[in-house]
Amino acid sequence: MKTFLCSLLGFVLASVIAWGALLLWGGLVLQLPPGDSYWDRTPYAADIFLACWPCLAIGAAMLAARLVR
């Protein structure tokens, strides 16, 4: 049970970091207004992010499960 909870925590933490970084990047670097969407400007960016985010989150979950053992 401890391994499952730590892997879940790793997945959630990596997801929060990925989505938070995306929002900060869109707001601070690109300086998008609140109503504008980065997904509309560059459609391939959504594909890249949605492919990398689960890989990062699953990797973090596996690392957390490995560290608990």
Protein backbone atom coordinates (compact mmCIF):
# COMPACT_ATOMS: atom_id res chain seq x y z
CA MET A 1 0.00 0.00 0.00
CA LYS A 2 2.88 2.32 0.80
CA THR A 3 4.38 1.76 -2.65
CA PHE A 4 1.07 2.54 -4.34
CA LEU A 5 0.57 5.75 -2.36
CA CYS A 6 4.09 6.97 -3.06
CA SER A 7 3.78 6.21 -6.76
CA LEU A 8 0.43 8.04 -6.82
CA LEU A 9 2.05 10.98 -5.05
CA GLY A 10 4.89 10.99 -7.60
CA PHE A 11 2.40 10.95 -10.49
CA VAL A 12 0.33 13.78 -9.01
CA LEU A 13 3.37 15.87 -8.12
CA ALA A 14 4.85 15.51 -11.61
CA SER A 15 1.48 16.41 -13.14
CA VAL A 16 1.18 19.55 -11.01
CA ILE A 17 4.72 20.58 -11.95
CA ALA A 18 4.11 19.96 -15.67
CA TRP A 19 0.81 21.84 -15.83
CA GLY A 20 2.07 24.63 -13.57
CA ALA A 21 5.15 25.09 -15.71
CA LEU A 22 2.99 25.21 -18.83
CA LEU A 23 0.77 27.89 -17.31
CA LEU A 24 3.73 29.94 -16.07
CA TRP A 25 5.47 29.65 -19.42
CA GLY A 26 2.35 30.77 -21.26
CA GLY A 27 1.75 33.64 -18.86
CA LEU A 28 5.27 34.91 -18.22
CA VAL A 29 7.33 34.03 -21.28
CA LEU A 30 4.74 34.24 -24.03
CA GLN A 31 2.69 36.90 -22.18
CA LEU A 32 -0.61 35.58 -23.48
CA PRO A 33 -3.70 37.55 -22.50
CA PRO A 34 -6.20 35.64 -20.32
CA GLY A 35 -8.60 34.92 -23.20
CA ASP A 36 -5.92 33.76 -25.65
CA SER A 37 -4.98 30.11 -26.06
CA TYR A 38 -1.53 28.75 -26.88
CA TRP A 39 -3.16 25.59 -28.24
CA ASP A 40 -4.88 27.65 -30.95
CA ARG A 41 -1.67 29.40 -31.95
CA THR A 42 0.43 26.25 -32.33
CA PRO A 43 -1.66 23.09 -32.66
CA TYR A 44 1.35 20.74 -32.54
CA ALA A 45 2.28 22.04 -29.08
CA ALA A 46 -0.71 20.27 -27.56
CA ASP A 47 0.40 16.98 -29.11
CA ILE A 48 3.94 17.40 -27.81
CA PHE A 49 2.83 18.37 -24.30
CA LEU A 50 0.20 15.64 -24.06
CA ALA A 51 2.79 13.08 -25.17
CA CYS A 52 5.51 14.22 -22.77
CA TRP A 53 3.36 14.85 -19.71
CA PRO A 54 2.27 11.21 -19.14
CA CYS A 55 5.82 9.99 -19.76
CA LEU A 56 7.14 12.40 -17.15
CA ALA A 57 4.38 11.55 -14.68
CA ILE A 58 4.77 7.78 -15.12
CA GLY A 59 8.53 8.11 -14.79
CA ALA A 60 8.11 10.04 -11.55
CA ALA A 61 5.67 7.42 -10.24
CA MET A 62 8.13 4.64 -11.04
CA LEU A 63 10.96 6.54 -9.37
CA ALA A 64 8.87 7.17 -6.25
CA ALA A 65 7.88 3.50 -6.06
CA ARG A 66 11.52 2.48 -6.48
CA LEU A 67 12.71 4.85 -3.75
CA VAL A 68 10.16 3.55 -1.25
CA ARG A 69 11.28 -0.06 -1.60
